[in-house]
């Protein structure tokens, strides 16, 4: 994650790096590299935003 990045939720990855200034609120799970599925960046960004928005709605309810 880059220095101004923000991620809220769950991450399953073989490697996960957060640069100084990046914010991660959630849980992480280490997985073997064979289990990791590559997504194109547009799909990944859309899913992250969608899940974060869903969680905010659930928390407000």
PDB file of N, CA and C in Angstrom:
ATOM      1  N   UNK A   1       0.851  -1.152   0.000  1.00  0.00           N
ATOM      2  CA  UNK A   1       0.000   0.000   0.000  1.00  0.00           C
ATOM      3  C   UNK A   1       0.909   1.230   0.000  1.00  0.00           C
ATOM      4  N   UNK A   2       0.533   2.205  -0.816  1.00  0.00           N
ATOM      5  CA  UNK A   2       1.341   3.416  -0.921  1.00  0.00           C
ATOM      6  C   UNK A   2       1.152   4.323   0.289  1.00  0.00           C
ATOM      7  N   UNK A   3       1.991   5.356   0.401  1.00  0.00           N
ATOM      8  CA  UNK A   3       2.019   6.187   1.605  1.00  0.00           C
ATOM      9  C   UNK A   3       0.715   6.916   1.908  1.00  0.00           C
ATOM     10  N   UNK A   4      -0.102   7.218   0.925  1.00  0.00           N
ATOM     11  CA  UNK A   4      -1.377   7.897   1.174  1.00  0.00           C
ATOM     12  C   UNK A   4      -2.566   6.949   0.996  1.00  0.00           C
ATOM     13  N   UNK A   5      -2.292   5.655   0.912  1.00  0.00           N
ATOM     14  CA  UNK A   5      -3.345   4.666   0.698  1.00  0.00           C
ATOM     15  C   UNK A   5      -4.180   4.434   1.944  1.00  0.00           C
ATOM     16  N   UNK A   6      -5.412   3.972   1.721  1.00  0.00           N
ATOM     17  CA  UNK A   6      -6.336   3.672   2.823  1.00  0.00           C
ATOM     18  C   UNK A   6      -7.111   2.423   2.445  1.00  0.00           C
ATOM     19  N   UNK A   7      -7.130   1.448   3.329  1.00  0.00           N
ATOM     20  CA  UNK A   7      -7.873   0.219   3.079  1.00  0.00           C
ATOM     21  C   UNK A   7      -8.550  -0.216   4.366  1.00  0.00           C
ATOM     22  N   UNK A   8      -9.836  -0.502   4.259  1.00  0.00           N
ATOM     23  CA  UNK A   8     -10.612  -0.974   5.395  1.00  0.00           C
ATOM     24  C   UNK A   8     -11.250  -2.294   4.989  1.00  0.00           C
ATOM     25  N   UNK A   9     -11.019  -3.348   5.770  1.00  0.00           N
ATOM     26  CA  UNK A   9     -11.616  -4.638   5.443  1.00  0.00           C
ATOM     27  C   UNK A   9     -10.661  -5.779   5.695  1.00  0.00           C
ATOM     28  N   UNK A  10     -10.795  -6.835   4.890  1.00  0.00           N
ATOM     29  CA  UNK A  10      -9.979  -8.033   5.036  1.00  0.00           C
ATOM     30  C   UNK A  10      -9.066  -8.202   3.831  1.00  0.00           C
ATOM     31  N   UNK A  11      -7.837  -8.634   4.098  1.00  0.00           N
ATOM     32  CA  UNK A  11      -6.857  -8.868   3.044  1.00  0.00           C
ATOM     33  C   UNK A  11      -6.330 -10.287   3.187  1.00  0.00           C
ATOM     34  N   UNK A  12      -6.335 -11.030   2.090  1.00  0.00           N
ATOM     35  CA  UNK A  12      -5.701 -12.342   2.025  1.00  0.00           C
ATOM     36  C   UNK A  12      -4.622 -12.237   0.967  1.00  0.00           C
ATOM     37  N   UNK A  13      -3.361 -12.393   1.373  1.00  0.00           N
ATOM     38  CA  UNK A  13      -2.258 -12.191   0.437  1.00  0.00           C
ATOM     39  C   UNK A  13      -1.034 -12.973   0.887  1.00  0.00           C
ATOM     40  N   UNK A  14      -0.151 -13.250  -0.067  1.00  0.00           N
ATOM     41  CA  UNK A  14       1.109 -13.886   0.282  1.00  0.00           C
ATOM     42  C   UNK A  14       2.103 -12.836   0.785  1.00  0.00           C
ATOM     43  N   UNK A  15       1.927 -11.583   0.359  1.00  0.00           N
ATOM     44  CA  UNK A  15       2.743 -10.460   0.820  1.00  0.00           C
ATOM     45  C   UNK A  15       1.848  -9.239   0.942  1.00  0.00           C
ATOM     46  N   UNK A  16       2.086  -8.439   1.962  1.00  0.00           N
ATOM     47  CA  UNK A  16       1.289  -7.229   2.167  1.00  0.00           C
ATOM     48  C   UNK A  16       2.196  -6.191   2.804  1.00  0.00           C
ATOM     49  N   UNK A  17       2.482  -5.126   2.083  1.00  0.00           N
ATOM     50  CA  UNK A  17       3.387  -4.090   2.555  1.00  0.00           C
ATOM     51  C   UNK A  17       2.652  -2.765   2.634  1.00  0.00           C
ATOM     52  N   UNK A  18       2.836  -2.067   3.734  1.00  0.00           N
ATOM     53  CA  UNK A  18       2.232  -0.752   3.910  1.00  0.00           C
ATOM     54  C   UNK A  18       3.361   0.254   4.084  1.00  0.00           C
ATOM     55  N   UNK A  19       3.427   1.222   3.179  1.00  0.00           N
ATOM     56  CA  UNK A  19       4.429   2.269   3.315  1.00  0.00           C
ATOM     57  C   UNK A  19       4.042   3.197   4.461  1.00  0.00           C
ATOM     58  N   UNK A  20       5.033   3.864   5.048  1.00  0.00           N
ATOM     59  CA  UNK A  20       4.789   4.819   6.122  1.00  0.00           C
ATOM     60  C   UNK A  20       3.757   5.841   5.658  1.00  0.00           C
ATOM     61  N   UNK A  21       2.709   6.033   6.438  1.00  0.00           N
ATOM     62  CA  UNK A  21       1.635   6.960   6.076  1.00  0.00           C
ATOM     63  C   UNK A  21       0.408   6.262   5.526  1.00  0.00           C
ATOM     64  N   UNK A  22       0.545   5.015   5.099  1.00  0.00           N
ATOM     65  CA  UNK A  22      -0.600   4.237   4.623  1.00  0.00           C
ATOM     66  C   UNK A  22      -1.443   3.773   5.803  1.00  0.00           C
ATOM     67  N   UNK A  23      -2.744   3.622   5.588  1.00  0.00           N
ATOM     68  CA  UNK A  23      -3.645   3.229   6.672  1.00  0.00           C
ATOM     69  C   UNK A  23      -4.379   1.947   6.288  1.00  0.00           C
ATOM     70  N   UNK A  24      -4.302   0.950   7.170  1.00  0.00           N
ATOM     71  CA  UNK A  24      -5.027  -0.308   6.993  1.00  0.00           C
ATOM     72  C   UNK A  24      -5.800  -0.589   8.267  1.00  0.00           C
ATOM     73  N   UNK A  25      -7.117  -0.662   8.147  1.00  0.00           N
ATOM     74  CA  UNK A  25      -7.989  -0.983   9.273  1.00  0.00           C
ATOM     75  C   UNK A  25      -8.703  -2.285   8.937  1.00  0.00           C
ATOM     76  N   UNK A  26      -8.336  -3.351   9.608  1.00  0.00           N
ATOM     77  CA  UNK A  26      -8.997  -4.613   9.308  1.00  0.00           C
ATOM     78  C   UNK A  26      -8.171  -5.801   9.727  1.00  0.00           C
ATOM     79  N   UNK A  27      -8.396  -6.907   9.040  1.00  0.00           N
ATOM     80  CA  UNK A  27      -7.730  -8.170   9.328  1.00  0.00           C
ATOM     81  C   UNK A  27      -6.969  -8.626   8.100  1.00  0.00           C
ATOM     82  N   UNK A  28      -5.859  -9.319   8.342  1.00  0.00           N
ATOM     83  CA  UNK A  28      -5.100  -9.874   7.226  1.00  0.00           C
ATOM     84  C   UNK A  28      -4.867 -11.358   7.458  1.00  0.00           C
ATOM     85  N   UNK A  29      -4.774 -12.081   6.350  1.00  0.00           N
ATOM     86  CA  UNK A  29      -4.547 -13.527   6.398  1.00  0.00           C
ATOM     87  C   UNK A  29      -3.437 -13.847   5.415  1.00  0.00           C
ATOM     88  N   UNK A  30      -2.440 -14.584   5.863  1.00  0.00           N
ATOM     89  CA  UNK A  30      -1.348 -14.990   4.996  1.00  0.00           C
ATOM     90  C   UNK A  30      -1.773 -16.224   4.203  1.00  0.00           C
ATOM     91  N   UNK A  31      -1.599 -16.191   2.889  1.00  0.00           N
ATOM     92  CA  UNK A  31      -1.922 -17.331   2.038  1.00  0.00           C
ATOM     93  C   UNK A  31      -0.710 -17.684   1.190  1.00  0.00           C
ATOM     94  N   UNK A  32      -0.665 -18.910   0.719  1.00  0.00           N
ATOM     95  CA  UNK A  32       0.407 -19.339  -0.177  1.00  0.00           C
ATOM     96  C   UNK A  32       0.239 -18.653  -1.523  1.00  0.00           C
ATOM     97  N   UNK A  33       1.332 -18.399  -2.201  1.00  0.00           N
ATOM     98  CA  UNK A  33       1.266 -17.686  -3.480  1.00  0.00           C
ATOM     99  C   UNK A  33       0.435 -18.431  -4.519  1.00  0.00           C
ATOM    100  N   UNK A  34       0.299 -19.762  -4.407  1.00  0.00           N
ATOM    101  CA  UNK A  34      -0.520 -20.520  -5.357  1.00  0.00           C
ATOM    102  C   UNK A  34      -2.002 -20.178  -5.210  1.00  0.00           C
ATOM    103  N   UNK A  35      -2.403 -19.696  -4.035  1.00  0.00           N
ATOM    104  CA  UNK A  35      -3.805 -19.379  -3.776  1.00  0.00           C
ATOM    105  C   UNK A  35      -4.185 -17.962  -4.205  1.00  0.00           C
ATOM    106  N   UNK A  36      -3.202 -17.123  -4.505  1.00  0.00           N
ATOM    107  CA  UNK A  36      -3.456 -15.723  -4.849  1.00  0.00           C
ATOM    108  C   UNK A  36      -3.950 -15.618  -6.281  1.00  0.00           C
ATOM    109  N   UNK A  37      -5.026 -14.879  -6.483  1.00  0.00           N
ATOM    110  CA  UNK A  37      -5.594 -14.663  -7.810  1.00  0.00           C
ATOM    111  C   UNK A  37      -5.367 -13.210  -8.197  1.00  0.00           C
ATOM    112  N   UNK A  38      -4.744 -12.979  -9.333  1.00  0.00           N
ATOM    113  CA  UNK A  38      -4.469 -11.616  -9.788  1.00  0.00           C
ATOM    114  C   UNK A  38      -5.726 -10.989 -10.377  1.00  0.00           C
ATOM    115  N   UNK A  39      -6.009  -9.754  -9.995  1.00  0.00           N
ATOM    116  CA  UNK A  39      -7.124  -8.980 -10.542  1.00  0.00           C
ATOM    117  C   UNK A  39      -6.553  -7.762 -11.239  1.00  0.00           C
ATOM    118  N   UNK A  40      -7.238  -7.286 -12.293  1.00  0.00           N
ATOM    119  CA  UNK A  40      -6.755  -6.043 -12.876  1.00  0.00           C
ATOM    120  C   UNK A  40      -7.085  -4.907 -11.913  1.00  0.00           C
ATOM    121  N   UNK A  41      -6.321  -3.836 -11.959  1.00  0.00           N
ATOM    122  CA  UNK A  41      -6.421  -2.774 -10.952  1.00  0.00           C
ATOM    123  C   UNK A  41      -7.783  -2.099 -10.920  1.00  0.00           C
ATOM    124  N   UNK A  42      -8.474  -1.979 -12.037  1.00  0.00           N
ATOM    125  CA  UNK A  42      -9.792  -1.331 -12.056  1.00  0.00           C
ATOM    126  C   UNK A  42     -10.815  -2.160 -11.287  1.00  0.00           C
ATOM    127  N   UNK A  43     -10.826  -3.458 -11.490  1.00  0.00           N
ATOM    128  CA  UNK A  43     -11.764  -4.325 -10.771  1.00  0.00           C
ATOM    129  C   UNK A  43     -11.463  -4.308  -9.280  1.00  0.00           C
ATOM    130  N   UNK A  44     -10.174  -4.386  -8.930  1.00  0.00           N
ATOM    131  CA  UNK A  44      -9.775  -4.419  -7.532  1.00  0.00           C
ATOM    132  C   UNK A  44     -10.174  -3.120  -6.828  1.00  0.00           C
ATOM    133  N   UNK A  45      -9.898  -1.990  -7.433  1.00  0.00           N
ATOM    134  CA  UNK A  45     -10.233  -0.701  -6.820  1.00  0.00           C
ATOM    135  C   UNK A  45     -11.735  -0.559  -6.649  1.00  0.00           C
ATOM    136  N   UNK A  46     -12.493  -1.013  -7.631  1.00  0.00           N
ATOM    137  CA  UNK A  46     -13.948  -0.933  -7.563  1.00  0.00           C
ATOM    138  C   UNK A  46     -14.484  -1.798  -6.430  1.00  0.00           C
ATOM    139  N   UNK A  47     -13.955  -3.008  -6.282  1.00  0.00           N
ATOM    140  CA  UNK A  47     -14.406  -3.911  -5.226  1.00  0.00           C
ATOM    141  C   UNK A  47     -14.072  -3.353  -3.848  1.00  0.00           C
ATOM    142  N   UNK A  48     -12.882  -2.783  -3.694  1.00  0.00           N
ATOM    143  CA  UNK A  48     -12.477  -2.225  -2.406  1.00  0.00           C
ATOM    144  C   UNK A  48     -13.399  -1.081  -2.019  1.00  0.00           C
ATOM    145  N   UNK A  49     -13.683  -0.176  -2.967  1.00  0.00           N
ATOM    146  CA  UNK A  49     -14.576   0.953  -2.677  1.00  0.00           C
ATOM    147  C   UNK A  49     -15.969   0.450  -2.340  1.00  0.00           C
ATOM    148  N   UNK A  50     -16.472  -0.513  -3.100  1.00  0.00           N
ATOM    149  CA  UNK A  50     -17.814  -1.034  -2.886  1.00  0.00           C
ATOM    150  C   UNK A  50     -17.944  -1.679  -1.507  1.00  0.00           C
ATOM    151  N   UNK A  51     -16.982  -2.493  -1.119  1.00  0.00           N
ATOM    152  CA  UNK A  51     -17.031  -3.156   0.182  1.00  0.00           C
ATOM    153  C   UNK A  51     -16.930  -2.143   1.314  1.00  0.00           C
ATOM    154  N   UNK A  52     -16.089  -1.136   1.157  1.00  0.00           N
ATOM    155  CA  UNK A  52     -15.951  -0.111   2.193  1.00  0.00           C
ATOM    156  C   UNK A  52     -17.256   0.656   2.356  1.00  0.00           C
ATOM    157  N   UNK A  53     -17.912   0.965   1.246  1.00  0.00           N
ATOM    158  CA  UNK A  53     -19.186   1.682   1.308  1.00  0.00           C
ATOM    159  C   UNK A  53     -20.257   0.806   1.952  1.00  0.00           C
ATOM    160  N   UNK A  54     -20.282  -0.490   1.635  1.00  0.00           N
ATOM    161  CA  UNK A  54     -21.248  -1.415   2.233  1.00  0.00           C
ATOM    162  C   UNK A  54     -21.061  -1.492   3.748  1.00  0.00           C
ATOM    163  N   UNK A  55     -19.801  -1.553   4.198  1.00  0.00           N
ATOM    164  CA  UNK A  55     -19.536  -1.639   5.632  1.00  0.00           C
ATOM    165  C   UNK A  55     -19.998  -0.379   6.348  1.00  0.00           C
ATOM    166  N   UNK A  56     -19.785   0.781   5.732  1.00  0.00           N
ATOM    167  CA  UNK A  56     -20.209   2.033   6.349  1.00  0.00           C
ATOM    168  C   UNK A  56     -21.722   2.068   6.491  1.00  0.00           C
ATOM    169  N   UNK A  57     -22.441   1.568   5.488  1.00  0.00           N
ATOM    170  CA  UNK A  57     -23.902   1.526   5.546  1.00  0.00           C
ATOM    171  C   UNK A  57     -24.347   0.594   6.662  1.00  0.00           C
ATOM    172  N   UNK A  58     -23.703  -0.580   6.786  1.00  0.00           N
ATOM    173  CA  UNK A  58     -24.051  -1.540   7.833  1.00  0.00           C
ATOM    174  C   UNK A  58     -23.808  -0.947   9.218  1.00  0.00           C
ATOM    175  N   UNK A  59     -22.714  -0.210   9.379  1.00  0.00           N
ATOM    176  CA  UNK A  59     -22.382   0.365  10.677  1.00  0.00           C
ATOM    177  C   UNK A  59     -23.367   1.453  11.074  1.00  0.00           C
ATOM    178  N   UNK A  60     -23.922   2.161  10.110  1.00  0.00           N
ATOM    179  CA  UNK A  60     -24.867   3.238  10.394  1.00  0.00           C
ATOM    180  C   UNK A  60     -26.260   2.709  10.703  1.00  0.00           C
ATOM    181  N   UNK A  61     -26.556   1.499  10.248  1.00  0.00           N
ATOM    182  CA  UNK A  61     -27.907   0.938  10.416  1.00  0.00           C
ATOM    183  C   UNK A  61     -28.192   0.527  11.832  1.00  0.00           C
TER     184      UNK A  61
END
